Amino acid sequence: MIKKWYFYASLIVIITFLSLGFIPSNEKTKPWFLIETTDGSEYIFPSQEKDDYPNLNFPYTGNHFIGFKEAVAFKESQGKYRLVNSLGYMGKYQFGSKALRAIGIKDDKAFLKDPALQEKAFVALLSKNKWILRYEIQKYEGKIINGIEITESGILAAAHLGGAGSVKNFFKNKGNKHFRDAFGTSLRSYMRDFGGYDLSYIEADNDAVIKK
């Protein structure tokens, strides 16, 4: 009798144990791989697919400030800090002496040898032009003028090419007066090709200068 009791008791324990193994647990667990949806803000590029950008003729580095400055640099000098063109424009972003003086740089040779100074100069000139062109940015951003969608980054790129005064004349003449530099590059093409970048990082500052 005792043996039968042990047998049945053991059988009940085994059945209970096996049954519990098939009951789903209510405990929340996370998978070892990421399946959560995100807003995409952790990516550098607006798209992860390189084929989404078939018409770019410069390295694509995103639509943030770093993308803008590297795109401009590639267009101006292919990113070469020591380059001086036939008209005397210098460095990665092809500064003229007049533009350098406007942001407090007086030694052209020292500027050409100093990559860090060139990067600071680019930011300073953007800040100054953003202040000078603040009304144009506010008034025309998002509008279509002579077939070009106007953006802040396009305006500032055009100012880097031809100066803020040339950009003001562009809007004054409703885009019908076509400024071109000595190599035939148009203000309109810069406004188009460098549009759509996020330059909120750049603060408008009429007094932007490089202090060494």
N, C-alpha and C. Protein backbone atom coordinates (compact mmCIF):
# COMPACT_ATOMS: atom_id res chain seq x y z
N MET A 1 0.84 -1.20 0.00
CA MET A 1 0.00 0.00 0.00
C MET A 1 0.87 1.26 0.00
N ILE A 2 1.90 1.19 0.84
CA ILE A 2 2.81 2.34 0.92
C ILE A 2 3.52 2.55 -0.41
N LYS A 3 3.91 1.43 -1.07
CA LYS A 3 4.59 1.53 -2.35
C LYS A 3 3.68 2.18 -3.40
N LYS A 4 2.38 1.82 -3.38
CA LYS A 4 1.43 2.42 -4.33
C LYS A 4 1.30 3.92 -4.08
N TRP A 5 1.28 4.30 -2.77
CA TRP A 5 1.14 5.72 -2.43
C TRP A 5 2.33 6.52 -2.95
N TYR A 6 3.56 5.96 -2.77
CA TYR A 6 4.76 6.61 -3.29
C TYR A 6 4.70 6.73 -4.81
N PHE A 7 4.19 5.67 -5.44
CA PHE A 7 4.12 5.65 -6.90
C PHE A 7 3.21 6.77 -7.41
N TYR A 8 2.00 6.85 -6.84
CA TYR A 8 1.03 7.85 -7.29
C TYR A 8 1.49 9.28 -6.94
N ALA A 9 2.09 9.40 -5.75
CA ALA A 9 2.58 10.73 -5.35
C ALA A 9 3.67 11.20 -6.30
N SER A 10 4.59 10.28 -6.65
CA SER A 10 5.66 10.62 -7.58
C SER A 10 5.10 10.97 -8.94
N LEU A 11 4.08 10.22 -9.37
CA LEU A 11 3.46 10.46 -10.67
C LEU A 11 2.83 11.85 -10.74
N ILE A 12 2.15 12.25 -9.64
CA ILE A 12 1.52 13.57 -9.58
C ILE A 12 2.56 14.68 -9.66
N VAL A 13 3.68 14.49 -8.94
CA VAL A 13 4.74 15.49 -8.94
C VAL A 13 5.33 15.65 -10.34
N ILE A 14 5.55 14.52 -11.03
CA ILE A 14 6.13 14.57 -12.37
C ILE A 14 5.18 15.26 -13.35
N ILE A 15 3.89 14.91 -13.27
CA ILE A 15 2.90 15.51 -14.17
C ILE A 15 2.79 17.01 -13.93
N THR A 16 2.79 17.41 -12.66
CA THR A 16 2.71 18.83 -12.31
C THR A 16 3.92 19.59 -12.85
N PHE A 17 5.11 19.02 -12.69
CA PHE A 17 6.34 19.65 -13.16
C PHE A 17 6.34 19.84 -14.67
N LEU A 18 5.90 18.77 -15.37
CA LEU A 18 5.85 18.85 -16.83
C LEU A 18 4.82 19.86 -17.30
N SER A 19 3.70 19.94 -16.59
CA SER A 19 2.64 20.88 -16.99
C SER A 19 3.09 22.32 -16.85
N LEU A 20 3.83 22.60 -15.77
CA LEU A 20 4.30 23.97 -15.56
C LEU A 20 5.25 24.43 -16.65
N GLY A 21 5.93 23.48 -17.26
CA GLY A 21 6.89 23.82 -18.31
C GLY A 21 6.23 24.35 -19.56
N PHE A 22 4.93 24.08 -19.72
CA PHE A 22 4.21 24.53 -20.93
C PHE A 22 3.31 25.74 -20.66
N ILE A 23 3.32 26.26 -19.43
CA ILE A 23 2.52 27.44 -19.12
C ILE A 23 3.32 28.68 -19.47
N PRO A 24 2.80 29.56 -20.35
CA PRO A 24 3.55 30.76 -20.74
C PRO A 24 3.79 31.68 -19.56
N SER A 25 4.98 32.23 -19.47
CA SER A 25 5.33 33.13 -18.39
C SER A 25 4.84 34.53 -18.69
N ASN A 26 4.41 35.26 -17.67
CA ASN A 26 3.97 36.64 -17.84
C ASN A 26 5.12 37.63 -17.71
N GLU A 27 6.30 37.14 -17.43
CA GLU A 27 7.45 38.02 -17.26
C GLU A 27 7.84 38.63 -18.60
N LYS A 28 8.04 39.94 -18.61
CA LYS A 28 8.43 40.64 -19.83
C LYS A 28 9.93 40.48 -20.05
N THR A 29 10.27 40.06 -21.23
CA THR A 29 11.69 39.89 -21.56
C THR A 29 11.99 40.64 -22.83
N LYS A 30 13.23 41.02 -22.98
CA LYS A 30 13.67 41.70 -24.20
C LYS A 30 14.48 40.75 -25.04
N PRO A 31 14.26 40.75 -26.34
CA PRO A 31 15.06 39.88 -27.20
C PRO A 31 16.50 40.33 -27.23
N TRP A 32 17.40 39.46 -27.61
CA TRP A 32 18.81 39.81 -27.66
C TRP A 32 19.15 40.65 -28.87
N PHE A 33 18.24 40.74 -29.83
CA PHE A 33 18.45 41.61 -30.98
C PHE A 33 17.44 42.74 -30.92
N LEU A 34 17.78 43.87 -31.56
CA LEU A 34 16.95 45.07 -31.49
C LEU A 34 15.80 44.99 -32.48
N ILE A 35 14.57 45.08 -31.95
CA ILE A 35 13.40 45.06 -32.83
C ILE A 35 12.54 46.31 -32.62
N GLU A 36 12.93 47.16 -31.67
CA GLU A 36 12.14 48.34 -31.41
C GLU A 36 12.26 49.33 -32.55
N THR A 37 11.15 49.97 -32.89
CA THR A 37 11.18 50.99 -33.94
C THR A 37 11.78 52.27 -33.38
N THR A 38 12.44 53.03 -34.20
CA THR A 38 13.04 54.29 -33.78
C THR A 38 12.64 55.38 -34.74
N ASP A 39 12.99 56.62 -34.37
CA ASP A 39 12.67 57.75 -35.25
C ASP A 39 13.79 58.04 -36.24
N GLY A 40 14.84 57.25 -36.22
CA GLY A 40 15.92 57.42 -37.18
C GLY A 40 16.94 58.47 -36.80
N SER A 41 16.77 59.10 -35.62
CA SER A 41 17.66 60.19 -35.25
C SER A 41 19.07 59.72 -34.93
N GLU A 42 19.23 58.41 -34.73
CA GLU A 42 20.57 57.92 -34.41
C GLU A 42 21.43 57.73 -35.65
N TYR A 43 20.83 57.90 -36.83
CA TYR A 43 21.61 57.71 -38.05
C TYR A 43 22.25 59.01 -38.48
N ILE A 44 23.39 58.92 -39.12
CA ILE A 44 24.08 60.11 -39.63
C ILE A 44 23.40 60.60 -40.91
N PHE A 45 22.95 59.67 -41.74
CA PHE A 45 22.36 60.04 -43.02
C PHE A 45 20.83 60.08 -42.92
N PRO A 46 20.17 60.93 -43.71
CA PRO A 46 18.71 60.88 -43.80
C PRO A 46 18.23 59.53 -44.31
N SER A 47 19.01 58.88 -45.13
CA SER A 47 18.68 57.53 -45.62
C SER A 47 19.91 56.65 -45.49
N GLN A 48 19.68 55.37 -45.20
CA GLN A 48 20.80 54.43 -45.12
C GLN A 48 21.19 53.89 -46.50
N GLU A 49 20.35 54.16 -47.48
CA GLU A 49 20.59 53.61 -48.81
C GLU A 49 21.38 54.60 -49.66
N LYS A 50 22.58 54.24 -50.03
CA LYS A 50 23.44 55.11 -50.83
C LYS A 50 22.81 55.40 -52.19
N ASP A 51 22.04 54.44 -52.72
CA ASP A 51 21.43 54.61 -54.04
C ASP A 51 20.34 55.69 -54.05
N ASP A 52 19.93 56.15 -52.86
CA ASP A 52 18.94 57.22 -52.80
C ASP A 52 19.54 58.57 -53.21
N TYR A 53 20.86 58.61 -53.40
CA TYR A 53 21.53 59.86 -53.73
C TYR A 53 22.40 59.67 -54.97
N PRO A 54 21.77 59.44 -56.13
CA PRO A 54 22.53 59.09 -57.33
C PRO A 54 23.21 60.27 -58.02
N ASN A 55 22.79 61.50 -57.74
CA ASN A 55 23.28 62.63 -58.52
C ASN A 55 24.35 63.46 -57.82
N LEU A 56 24.82 63.00 -56.67
CA LEU A 56 25.82 63.77 -55.96
C LEU A 56 27.20 63.57 -56.57
N ASN A 57 27.94 64.67 -56.73
CA ASN A 57 29.29 64.57 -57.26
C ASN A 57 30.33 64.87 -56.19
N PHE A 58 29.94 64.72 -54.93
CA PHE A 58 30.87 64.87 -53.81
C PHE A 58 30.50 63.83 -52.76
N PRO A 59 31.44 63.51 -51.86
CA PRO A 59 31.16 62.48 -50.85
C PRO A 59 29.97 62.87 -49.99
N TYR A 60 29.05 61.93 -49.78
CA TYR A 60 27.85 62.24 -49.02
C TYR A 60 28.09 62.01 -47.53
N THR A 61 27.87 63.02 -46.72
CA THR A 61 28.12 62.92 -45.29
C THR A 61 26.94 63.40 -44.47
N GLY A 62 25.75 63.34 -45.01
CA GLY A 62 24.57 63.71 -44.25
C GLY A 62 24.13 65.14 -44.49
N ASN A 63 22.97 65.49 -43.93
CA ASN A 63 22.42 66.84 -44.16
C ASN A 63 22.65 67.78 -43.00
N HIS A 64 23.58 67.40 -42.11
CA HIS A 64 23.91 68.27 -40.99
C HIS A 64 25.08 69.17 -41.35
N PHE A 65 25.55 69.95 -40.39
CA PHE A 65 26.61 70.92 -40.67
C PHE A 65 27.86 70.28 -41.26
N ILE A 66 28.26 69.13 -40.72
CA ILE A 66 29.48 68.49 -41.24
C ILE A 66 29.31 68.10 -42.71
N GLY A 67 28.11 67.68 -43.08
CA GLY A 67 27.84 67.36 -44.47
C GLY A 67 27.95 68.58 -45.36
N PHE A 68 27.41 69.70 -44.86
CA PHE A 68 27.46 70.95 -45.62
C PHE A 68 28.89 71.40 -45.84
N LYS A 69 29.67 71.46 -44.78
CA LYS A 69 31.02 72.01 -44.90
C LYS A 69 31.92 71.13 -45.75
N GLU A 70 31.74 69.81 -45.66
CA GLU A 70 32.57 68.91 -46.47
C GLU A 70 32.15 68.94 -47.94
N ALA A 71 30.86 69.14 -48.19
CA ALA A 71 30.39 69.26 -49.57
C ALA A 71 30.92 70.54 -50.22
N VAL A 72 30.87 71.64 -49.47
CA VAL A 72 31.41 72.91 -49.98
C VAL A 72 32.92 72.78 -50.21
N ALA A 73 33.61 72.16 -49.25
CA ALA A 73 35.07 72.00 -49.36
C ALA A 73 35.44 71.18 -50.58
N PHE A 74 34.69 70.13 -50.84
CA PHE A 74 35.00 69.28 -51.99
C PHE A 74 34.79 70.04 -53.29
N LYS A 75 33.74 70.84 -53.32
CA LYS A 75 33.46 71.65 -54.51
C LYS A 75 34.54 72.71 -54.73
N GLU A 76 34.99 73.32 -53.64
CA GLU A 76 35.94 74.41 -53.73
C GLU A 76 37.36 73.93 -54.02
N SER A 77 37.80 72.87 -53.32
CA SER A 77 39.22 72.51 -53.40
C SER A 77 39.48 71.01 -53.36
N GLN A 78 38.39 70.20 -53.40
CA GLN A 78 38.50 68.77 -53.16
C GLN A 78 39.06 68.50 -51.76
N GLY A 79 38.83 69.41 -50.86
CA GLY A 79 39.21 69.23 -49.47
C GLY A 79 40.68 69.44 -49.17
N LYS A 80 41.41 70.16 -50.02
CA LYS A 80 42.85 70.33 -49.86
C LYS A 80 43.17 71.63 -49.11
N TYR A 81 43.75 71.50 -47.95
CA TYR A 81 44.05 72.66 -47.11
C TYR A 81 45.12 73.58 -47.71
N ARG A 82 46.04 73.03 -48.44
CA ARG A 82 47.17 73.83 -48.95
C ARG A 82 46.96 74.38 -50.36
N LEU A 83 45.79 74.16 -50.92
CA LEU A 83 45.55 74.57 -52.30
C LEU A 83 45.40 76.10 -52.43
N VAL A 84 46.11 76.64 -53.42
CA VAL A 84 45.93 78.05 -53.80
C VAL A 84 45.62 78.06 -55.29
N ASN A 85 44.47 78.64 -55.67
CA ASN A 85 44.12 78.61 -57.08
C ASN A 85 44.78 79.75 -57.86
N SER A 86 44.50 79.82 -59.13
CA SER A 86 45.19 80.79 -60.01
C SER A 86 44.82 82.23 -59.69
N LEU A 87 43.73 82.44 -58.94
CA LEU A 87 43.31 83.80 -58.57
C LEU A 87 43.73 84.16 -57.15
N GLY A 88 44.44 83.23 -56.50
CA GLY A 88 44.94 83.52 -55.16
C GLY A 88 44.02 83.12 -54.03
N TYR A 89 42.92 82.43 -54.32
CA TYR A 89 42.03 81.96 -53.26
C TYR A 89 42.67 80.75 -52.58
N MET A 90 42.52 80.70 -51.26
CA MET A 90 43.36 79.80 -50.47
C MET A 90 42.58 78.78 -49.65
N GLY A 91 43.21 77.59 -49.54
CA GLY A 91 42.80 76.62 -48.56
C GLY A 91 41.62 75.75 -48.94
N LYS A 92 41.18 75.00 -47.97
CA LYS A 92 40.12 74.01 -48.15
C LYS A 92 38.82 74.65 -48.65
N TYR A 93 38.53 75.87 -48.17
CA TYR A 93 37.28 76.54 -48.52
C TYR A 93 37.50 77.71 -49.47
N GLN A 94 38.74 77.87 -49.96
CA GLN A 94 39.08 78.89 -50.95
C GLN A 94 38.68 80.30 -50.52
N PHE A 95 39.34 80.75 -49.46
CA PHE A 95 39.13 82.10 -48.97
C PHE A 95 39.98 83.10 -49.75
N GLY A 96 39.40 84.27 -49.98
CA GLY A 96 40.18 85.39 -50.49
C GLY A 96 40.69 86.23 -49.33
N SER A 97 41.69 87.05 -49.59
CA SER A 97 42.27 87.87 -48.52
C SER A 97 41.24 88.81 -47.90
N LYS A 98 40.35 89.33 -48.71
CA LYS A 98 39.33 90.26 -48.21
C LYS A 98 38.41 89.58 -47.20
N ALA A 99 38.00 88.36 -47.50
CA ALA A 99 37.13 87.61 -46.60
C ALA A 99 37.86 87.29 -45.29
N LEU A 100 39.15 86.97 -45.40
CA LEU A 100 39.94 86.66 -44.20
C LEU A 100 40.05 87.89 -43.30
N ARG A 101 40.28 89.06 -43.90
CA ARG A 101 40.38 90.27 -43.10
C ARG A 101 39.06 90.57 -42.38
N ALA A 102 37.95 90.24 -43.02
CA ALA A 102 36.64 90.51 -42.43
C ALA A 102 36.40 89.71 -41.15
N ILE A 103 37.11 88.58 -41.01
CA ILE A 103 36.94 87.77 -39.80
C ILE A 103 38.20 87.79 -38.92
N GLY A 104 39.06 88.77 -39.16
CA GLY A 104 40.17 89.01 -38.26
C GLY A 104 41.47 88.28 -38.56
N ILE A 105 41.60 87.66 -39.72
CA ILE A 105 42.83 86.94 -40.07
C ILE A 105 43.66 87.81 -41.01
N LYS A 106 44.89 88.12 -40.59
CA LYS A 106 45.74 89.03 -41.36
C LYS A 106 46.94 88.35 -42.01
N ASP A 107 47.24 87.15 -41.57
CA ASP A 107 48.42 86.44 -42.09
C ASP A 107 47.98 85.31 -43.01
N ASP A 108 48.04 85.54 -44.31
CA ASP A 108 47.57 84.55 -45.29
C ASP A 108 48.41 83.26 -45.24
N LYS A 109 49.70 83.41 -45.10
CA LYS A 109 50.58 82.23 -45.10
C LYS A 109 50.33 81.34 -43.89
N ALA A 110 50.15 81.97 -42.73
CA ALA A 110 49.85 81.20 -41.52
C ALA A 110 48.50 80.51 -41.65
N PHE A 111 47.55 81.20 -42.26
CA PHE A 111 46.23 80.61 -42.48
C PHE A 111 46.32 79.36 -43.34
N LEU A 112 47.10 79.44 -44.39
CA LEU A 112 47.21 78.32 -45.33
C LEU A 112 47.84 77.09 -44.69
N LYS A 113 48.69 77.30 -43.70
CA LYS A 113 49.40 76.18 -43.06
C LYS A 113 48.66 75.60 -41.86
N ASP A 114 47.52 76.18 -41.52
CA ASP A 114 46.83 75.80 -40.28
C ASP A 114 45.42 75.28 -40.56
N PRO A 115 45.24 73.95 -40.68
CA PRO A 115 43.91 73.39 -40.95
C PRO A 115 42.86 73.77 -39.90
N ALA A 116 43.25 73.78 -38.63
CA ALA A 116 42.30 74.14 -37.57
C ALA A 116 41.81 75.56 -37.73
N LEU A 117 42.71 76.47 -38.11
CA LEU A 117 42.33 77.86 -38.34
C LEU A 117 41.38 77.99 -39.52
N GLN A 118 41.59 77.20 -40.54
CA GLN A 118 40.71 77.22 -41.71
C GLN A 118 39.29 76.78 -41.34
N GLU A 119 39.19 75.77 -40.48
CA GLU A 119 37.87 75.31 -40.05
C GLU A 119 37.17 76.39 -39.23
N LYS A 120 37.91 77.05 -38.35
CA LYS A 120 37.33 78.13 -37.56
C LYS A 120 36.90 79.30 -38.45
N ALA A 121 37.70 79.57 -39.46
CA ALA A 121 37.39 80.66 -40.37
C ALA A 121 36.09 80.40 -41.14
N PHE A 122 35.89 79.17 -41.53
CA PHE A 122 34.67 78.82 -42.27
C PHE A 122 33.44 79.06 -41.40
N VAL A 123 33.51 78.65 -40.14
CA VAL A 123 32.38 78.85 -39.22
C VAL A 123 32.16 80.34 -38.97
N ALA A 124 33.24 81.08 -38.78
CA ALA A 124 33.11 82.52 -38.52
C ALA A 124 32.47 83.25 -39.70
N LEU A 125 32.90 82.92 -40.91
CA LEU A 125 32.32 83.58 -42.08
C LEU A 125 30.84 83.21 -42.26
N LEU A 126 30.50 81.96 -41.97
CA LEU A 126 29.09 81.56 -42.02
C LEU A 126 28.27 82.37 -41.02
N SER A 127 28.80 82.54 -39.82
CA SER A 127 28.09 83.30 -38.78
C SER A 127 27.87 84.74 -39.21
N LYS A 128 28.90 85.34 -39.79
CA LYS A 128 28.80 86.73 -40.24
C LYS A 128 27.80 86.86 -41.39
N ASN A 129 27.88 85.96 -42.36
CA ASN A 129 26.94 86.01 -43.49
C ASN A 129 25.51 85.71 -43.06
N LYS A 130 25.37 84.84 -42.06
CA LYS A 130 24.02 84.52 -41.58
C LYS A 130 23.39 85.76 -40.94
N TRP A 131 24.21 86.58 -40.30
CA TRP A 131 23.70 87.84 -39.74
C TRP A 131 23.36 88.84 -40.85
N ILE A 132 24.27 89.00 -41.79
CA ILE A 132 24.07 89.97 -42.87
C ILE A 132 22.84 89.62 -43.70
N LEU A 133 22.60 88.32 -43.89
CA LEU A 133 21.50 87.86 -44.74
C LEU A 133 20.29 87.35 -43.94
N ARG A 134 20.20 87.75 -42.69
CA ARG A 134 19.13 87.23 -41.82
C ARG A 134 17.74 87.57 -42.36
N TYR A 135 17.58 88.77 -42.92
CA TYR A 135 16.26 89.15 -43.45
C TYR A 135 15.92 88.36 -44.71
N GLU A 136 16.92 88.14 -45.56
CA GLU A 136 16.69 87.35 -46.78
C GLU A 136 16.33 85.91 -46.42
N ILE A 137 17.01 85.35 -45.43
CA ILE A 137 16.72 83.98 -44.99
C ILE A 137 15.30 83.89 -44.47
N GLN A 138 14.91 84.86 -43.64
CA GLN A 138 13.57 84.85 -43.06
C GLN A 138 12.49 85.05 -44.12
N LYS A 139 12.76 85.91 -45.09
CA LYS A 139 11.75 86.26 -46.09
C LYS A 139 11.59 85.22 -47.18
N TYR A 140 12.71 84.63 -47.63
CA TYR A 140 12.65 83.80 -48.83
C TYR A 140 12.77 82.29 -48.59
N GLU A 141 13.17 81.88 -47.40
CA GLU A 141 13.34 80.44 -47.16
C GLU A 141 12.03 79.68 -47.40
N GLY A 142 12.12 78.63 -48.19
CA GLY A 142 10.96 77.81 -48.52
C GLY A 142 10.24 78.23 -49.79
N LYS A 143 10.61 79.38 -50.35
CA LYS A 143 9.97 79.86 -51.58
C LYS A 143 10.75 79.37 -52.81
N ILE A 144 10.08 79.40 -53.96
CA ILE A 144 10.70 79.04 -55.23
C ILE A 144 10.98 80.32 -56.01
N ILE A 145 12.24 80.56 -56.33
CA ILE A 145 12.62 81.76 -57.09
C ILE A 145 13.42 81.32 -58.31
N ASN A 146 12.89 81.62 -59.47
CA ASN A 146 13.54 81.27 -60.73
C ASN A 146 13.91 79.78 -60.78
N GLY A 147 12.98 78.96 -60.29
CA GLY A 147 13.16 77.51 -60.35
C GLY A 147 13.99 76.92 -59.22
N ILE A 148 14.46 77.74 -58.27
CA ILE A 148 15.29 77.26 -57.17
C ILE A 148 14.51 77.32 -55.87
N GLU A 149 14.46 76.21 -55.15
CA GLU A 149 13.87 76.23 -53.81
C GLU A 149 14.89 76.86 -52.86
N ILE A 150 14.49 77.92 -52.21
CA ILE A 150 15.41 78.69 -51.37
C ILE A 150 15.48 78.09 -49.97
N THR A 151 16.70 77.83 -49.52
CA THR A 151 16.93 77.33 -48.17
C THR A 151 18.05 78.15 -47.53
N GLU A 152 18.12 78.08 -46.23
CA GLU A 152 19.17 78.81 -45.51
C GLU A 152 20.56 78.36 -45.95
N SER A 153 20.77 77.07 -46.05
CA SER A 153 22.09 76.57 -46.43
C SER A 153 22.46 76.96 -47.85
N GLY A 154 21.48 77.00 -48.74
CA GLY A 154 21.74 77.44 -50.11
C GLY A 154 22.15 78.90 -50.16
N ILE A 155 21.47 79.72 -49.37
CA ILE A 155 21.81 81.14 -49.31
C ILE A 155 23.23 81.34 -48.79
N LEU A 156 23.59 80.62 -47.73
CA LEU A 156 24.92 80.80 -47.13
C LEU A 156 26.02 80.22 -48.03
N ALA A 157 25.71 79.16 -48.75
CA ALA A 157 26.70 78.64 -49.71
C ALA A 157 26.93 79.63 -50.84
N ALA A 158 25.85 80.24 -51.31
CA ALA A 158 25.97 81.24 -52.38
C ALA A 158 26.76 82.46 -51.90
N ALA A 159 26.58 82.83 -50.63
CA ALA A 159 27.34 83.94 -50.06
C ALA A 159 28.81 83.60 -49.96
N HIS A 160 29.12 82.34 -49.70
CA HIS A 160 30.52 81.93 -49.65
C HIS A 160 31.16 82.05 -51.03
N LEU A 161 30.39 81.76 -52.05
CA LEU A 161 30.91 81.85 -53.42
C LEU A 161 31.07 83.30 -53.87
N GLY A 162 30.02 84.09 -53.73
CA GLY A 162 30.02 85.42 -54.34
C GLY A 162 29.91 86.58 -53.39
N GLY A 163 29.83 86.30 -52.08
CA GLY A 163 29.67 87.38 -51.12
C GLY A 163 28.21 87.66 -50.81
N ALA A 164 27.97 88.19 -49.62
CA ALA A 164 26.60 88.45 -49.19
C ALA A 164 25.92 89.49 -50.07
N GLY A 165 26.68 90.46 -50.57
CA GLY A 165 26.10 91.49 -51.44
C GLY A 165 25.53 90.92 -52.72
N SER A 166 26.21 89.93 -53.29
CA SER A 166 25.72 89.30 -54.51
C SER A 166 24.42 88.52 -54.25
N VAL A 167 24.31 87.94 -53.07
CA VAL A 167 23.08 87.23 -52.72
C VAL A 167 21.93 88.20 -52.57
N LYS A 168 22.18 89.34 -51.95
CA LYS A 168 21.13 90.37 -51.82
C LYS A 168 20.66 90.83 -53.20
N ASN A 169 21.60 91.00 -54.13
CA ASN A 169 21.23 91.41 -55.50
C ASN A 169 20.44 90.32 -56.21
N PHE A 170 20.76 89.06 -55.92
CA PHE A 170 20.01 87.95 -56.51
C PHE A 170 18.53 88.06 -56.15
N PHE A 171 18.25 88.30 -54.88
CA PHE A 171 16.85 88.41 -54.46
C PHE A 171 16.22 89.72 -54.92
N LYS A 172 17.01 90.78 -54.93
CA LYS A 172 16.49 92.07 -55.40
C LYS A 172 16.02 91.98 -56.84
N ASN A 173 16.72 91.18 -57.64
CA ASN A 173 16.36 91.02 -59.05
C ASN A 173 15.54 89.75 -59.31
N LYS A 174 14.99 89.18 -58.24
CA LYS A 174 14.12 88.00 -58.32
C LYS A 174 14.78 86.83 -59.03
N GLY A 175 16.09 86.71 -58.86
CA GLY A 175 16.83 85.59 -59.42
C GLY A 175 17.14 85.72 -60.89
N ASN A 176 16.83 86.85 -61.48
CA ASN A 176 17.04 87.01 -62.93
C ASN A 176 18.43 87.52 -63.30
N LYS A 177 19.14 88.06 -62.34
CA LYS A 177 20.49 88.53 -62.59
C LYS A 177 21.46 87.43 -62.14
N HIS A 178 22.19 86.85 -63.09
CA HIS A 178 22.99 85.66 -62.80
C HIS A 178 24.45 86.03 -62.54
N PHE A 179 24.82 86.00 -61.27
CA PHE A 179 26.21 86.22 -60.90
C PHE A 179 27.02 84.95 -61.17
N ARG A 180 28.20 85.10 -61.73
CA ARG A 180 29.14 83.99 -61.91
C ARG A 180 30.52 84.43 -61.47
N ASP A 181 31.28 83.49 -60.90
CA ASP A 181 32.64 83.84 -60.50
C ASP A 181 33.57 83.76 -61.71
N ALA A 182 34.85 83.96 -61.49
CA ALA A 182 35.81 84.01 -62.59
C ALA A 182 35.93 82.69 -63.34
N PHE A 183 35.50 81.59 -62.71
CA PHE A 183 35.56 80.28 -63.36
C PHE A 183 34.22 79.86 -63.95
N GLY A 184 33.25 80.77 -63.92
CA GLY A 184 31.95 80.49 -64.52
C GLY A 184 30.94 79.81 -63.61
N THR A 185 31.29 79.64 -62.34
CA THR A 185 30.37 79.00 -61.40
C THR A 185 29.31 80.01 -60.98
N SER A 186 28.05 79.62 -61.07
CA SER A 186 26.97 80.57 -60.81
C SER A 186 26.50 80.53 -59.36
N LEU A 187 26.06 81.68 -58.90
CA LEU A 187 25.45 81.80 -57.58
C LEU A 187 24.23 80.89 -57.48
N ARG A 188 23.48 80.83 -58.56
CA ARG A 188 22.27 80.03 -58.62
C ARG A 188 22.57 78.54 -58.41
N SER A 189 23.68 78.07 -58.98
CA SER A 189 24.02 76.65 -58.84
C SER A 189 24.39 76.31 -57.40
N TYR A 190 25.06 77.22 -56.71
CA TYR A 190 25.41 76.99 -55.30
C TYR A 190 24.15 76.98 -54.44
N MET A 191 23.23 77.89 -54.75
CA MET A 191 21.99 77.96 -53.99
C MET A 191 21.17 76.68 -54.17
N ARG A 192 21.27 76.10 -55.34
CA ARG A 192 20.56 74.85 -55.62
C ARG A 192 21.29 73.64 -55.04
N ASP A 193 22.57 73.53 -55.31
CA ASP A 193 23.31 72.32 -54.96
C ASP A 193 23.54 72.15 -53.46
N PHE A 194 23.55 73.26 -52.74
CA PHE A 194 23.83 73.17 -51.30
C PHE A 194 22.60 73.51 -50.46
N GLY A 195 21.44 73.35 -51.05
CA GLY A 195 20.20 73.57 -50.32
C GLY A 195 19.83 72.38 -49.46
N GLY A 196 19.08 72.63 -48.40
CA GLY A 196 18.51 71.55 -47.61
C GLY A 196 19.35 71.04 -46.46
N TYR A 197 20.47 71.66 -46.17
CA TYR A 197 21.28 71.26 -45.02
C TYR A 197 20.79 71.98 -43.76
N ASP A 198 20.96 71.33 -42.64
CA ASP A 198 20.55 71.91 -41.36
C ASP A 198 21.72 72.69 -40.77
N LEU A 199 21.62 74.02 -40.81
CA LEU A 199 22.68 74.87 -40.28
C LEU A 199 22.23 75.62 -39.03
N SER A 200 21.32 75.02 -38.28
CA SER A 200 20.87 75.63 -37.03
C SER A 200 22.01 75.73 -36.03
N TYR A 201 23.03 74.92 -36.23
CA TYR A 201 24.24 74.97 -35.39
C TYR A 201 24.93 76.33 -35.47
N ILE A 202 24.83 76.99 -36.61
CA ILE A 202 25.52 78.26 -36.84
C ILE A 202 24.71 79.42 -36.27
N GLU A 203 25.34 80.21 -35.41
CA GLU A 203 24.68 81.36 -34.84
C GLU A 203 25.00 82.61 -35.68
N ALA A 204 23.98 83.40 -35.93
CA ALA A 204 24.19 84.65 -36.66
C ALA A 204 24.95 85.63 -35.79
N ASP A 205 26.07 86.14 -36.28
CA ASP A 205 26.91 87.03 -35.47
C ASP A 205 27.69 87.97 -36.38
N ASN A 206 27.31 89.22 -36.37
CA ASN A 206 27.97 90.21 -37.21
C ASN A 206 29.40 90.49 -36.77
N ASP A 207 29.71 90.17 -35.50
CA ASP A 207 31.03 90.44 -34.94
C ASP A 207 31.91 89.18 -34.89
N ALA A 208 31.54 88.16 -35.65
CA ALA A 208 32.31 86.92 -35.62
C ALA A 208 33.71 87.14 -36.18
N VAL A 209 34.71 86.92 -35.35
CA VAL A 209 36.11 87.04 -35.76
C VAL A 209 36.91 85.92 -35.11
N ILE A 210 38.06 85.64 -35.68
CA ILE A 210 38.98 84.65 -35.11
C ILE A 210 39.94 85.37 -34.18
N LYS A 211 39.95 84.92 -32.95
CA LYS A 211 40.86 85.50 -31.97
C LYS A 211 41.93 84.46 -31.62
N LYS A 212 43.16 84.77 -31.91
CA LYS A 212 44.26 83.83 -31.66
C LYS A 212 44.97 84.20 -30.35
